[in-house]
Protein backbone atom coordinates (compact mmCIF):
# COMPACT_ATOMS: atom_id res chain seq x y z
CA MET A 1 67.35 89.19 107.57
CA THR A 2 66.68 86.75 104.79
CA THR A 3 70.30 86.39 103.64
CA PRO A 4 72.38 84.12 105.90
CA SER A 5 75.72 85.63 106.85
CA GLN A 6 77.52 82.70 105.21
CA THR A 7 76.44 83.87 101.74
CA LEU A 8 78.04 87.32 101.88
CA PRO A 9 80.23 87.96 98.84
CA THR A 10 83.98 87.69 99.04
CA LEU A 11 85.81 90.98 98.81
CA ARG A 12 87.59 91.09 95.43
CA SER A 13 89.30 94.45 95.58
CA THR A 14 92.93 95.33 96.19
CA PRO A 15 93.42 94.85 99.94
CA GLY A 16 93.61 97.97 102.08
CA PRO A 17 94.58 100.16 103.55
CA TRP A 18 94.36 102.67 100.74
CA GLU A 19 95.77 106.16 101.18
CA LEU A 20 95.08 109.49 99.56
CA LEU A 21 98.66 110.69 99.13
CA SER A 22 97.93 113.75 97.04
CA GLU A 23 94.80 115.62 96.08
CA GLN A 24 94.22 113.25 93.18
CA MET A 25 95.97 109.93 93.77
CA VAL A 26 94.81 106.98 95.89
CA TYR A 27 97.43 104.29 96.48
CA GLY A 28 97.31 100.76 97.87
CA PRO A 29 99.50 99.24 100.60
CA GLU A 30 102.36 98.55 98.17
CA ARG A 31 102.13 102.06 96.72
CA GLN A 32 100.30 100.82 93.63
CA LEU A 33 97.96 103.36 92.06
CA ILE A 34 94.33 102.54 92.87
CA ALA A 35 92.57 105.61 91.49
CA LYS A 36 93.15 109.01 90.01
CA VAL A 37 90.46 111.24 91.43
CA ALA A 38 88.86 114.18 89.64
CA ILE A 39 88.98 117.35 91.68
CA GLY A 40 87.00 120.55 91.51
CA SER A 41 83.30 121.05 90.81
CA GLY A 42 82.31 119.60 94.18
CA LYS A 43 84.31 116.37 93.71
CA ASP A 44 86.96 117.18 96.33
CA GLY A 45 85.45 114.70 98.82
CA ASN A 46 85.77 111.73 96.47
CA GLY A 47 89.43 110.99 97.29
CA PRO A 48 88.91 110.35 101.01
CA LEU A 49 85.81 108.29 100.24
CA ILE A 50 87.68 106.14 97.72
CA ALA A 51 90.61 105.75 100.11
CA ALA A 52 88.22 104.54 102.84
CA ALA A 53 86.48 102.01 100.56
CA PRO A 54 88.24 98.83 101.81
CA GLU A 55 87.52 99.66 105.45
CA LEU A 56 83.93 100.64 104.64
CA LEU A 57 83.34 97.34 102.83
CA ILE A 58 84.77 95.31 105.71
CA ALA A 59 82.73 97.27 108.27
CA LEU A 60 79.56 96.85 106.21
CA ARG A 61 80.15 93.11 105.82
CA THR A 62 80.81 92.76 109.58
CA LEU A 63 77.66 94.72 110.44
CA ILE A 64 75.45 92.65 108.12
CA LYS A 65 76.83 89.41 109.60
CA ALA A 66 76.37 90.62 113.18
CA ILE A 67 72.76 91.64 112.55
CA ALA A 68 71.99 88.32 110.81
CA ASP A 69 73.52 86.42 113.74
CA LEU A 70 71.55 88.53 116.23
CA GLU A 71 68.32 87.84 114.35
CA VAL A 72 68.96 84.09 114.59
CA ALA A 73 69.75 84.39 118.32
CA MET A 74 66.59 86.44 118.98
CA ASP A 75 64.32 84.12 117.01
CA SER A 76 62.78 82.94 120.29
CA VAL A 77 61.14 86.33 120.85
CA THR A 78 59.28 86.46 117.55
CA GLY A 79 56.55 89.04 117.42
CA GLN A 80 58.37 91.45 119.70
CA PHE A 81 60.08 94.40 118.08
CA ALA A 82 58.50 93.59 114.69
CA ARG A 83 58.61 97.22 113.53
CA GLU A 84 62.25 97.56 114.54
CA TRP A 85 63.26 94.30 112.82
CA THR A 86 61.47 95.44 109.66
CA ALA A 87 63.52 98.64 109.66
CA ILE A 88 66.74 96.72 110.35
CA ASN A 89 65.99 94.22 107.58
CA THR A 90 65.30 97.06 105.14
CA ALA A 91 68.61 98.71 106.05
CA CYS A 92 70.45 95.38 105.74
CA THR A 93 68.90 94.76 102.32
CA GLU A 94 70.12 98.17 101.15
CA ALA A 95 73.56 97.56 102.69
CA LEU A 96 73.79 94.13 101.07
CA GLY A 97 72.86 95.68 97.71
CA ALA A 98 75.69 98.20 98.10
CA LEU A 99 78.09 95.44 99.14
CA LEU A 100 77.14 93.35 96.09
CA LYS A 101 77.55 96.37 93.82
CA ALA A 102 81.04 96.92 95.22
CA THR A 103 82.16 93.28 95.08
CA LEU A 104 80.61 91.67 92.02
CA PRO A 105 82.08 92.11 88.54
CA PRO A 106 80.10 94.35 86.18
CA LEU A 107 77.50 92.68 83.97
CA ASN A 108 78.80 94.35 80.81
CA PRO A 109 82.53 94.88 81.29
CA GLN A 110 84.09 97.42 78.97
CA PRO A 111 86.72 96.02 76.56
């Protein structure tokens, strides 16, 4: 992986755990409202996904770091498993893109 694990972005969201306490409301650990979720029209799965966001971000960050550390440790066997490392690096690039999207402020914030 080309991105060292030390450069992973800092999580900037409200700390978890978040809970879906009704069909529409996701709350943080101090019962502060995190999100009001639209329901119906196939959106019923959004609440659990939003509630799991902090844990998903932490898991993704941990996985990216572990893979980057493993790549450094396995550097002595270069040439072996090249196809597998290419697939892993592609997946890590996509995961890092998702992590950046979730942690960086928007380029054009709305007033």
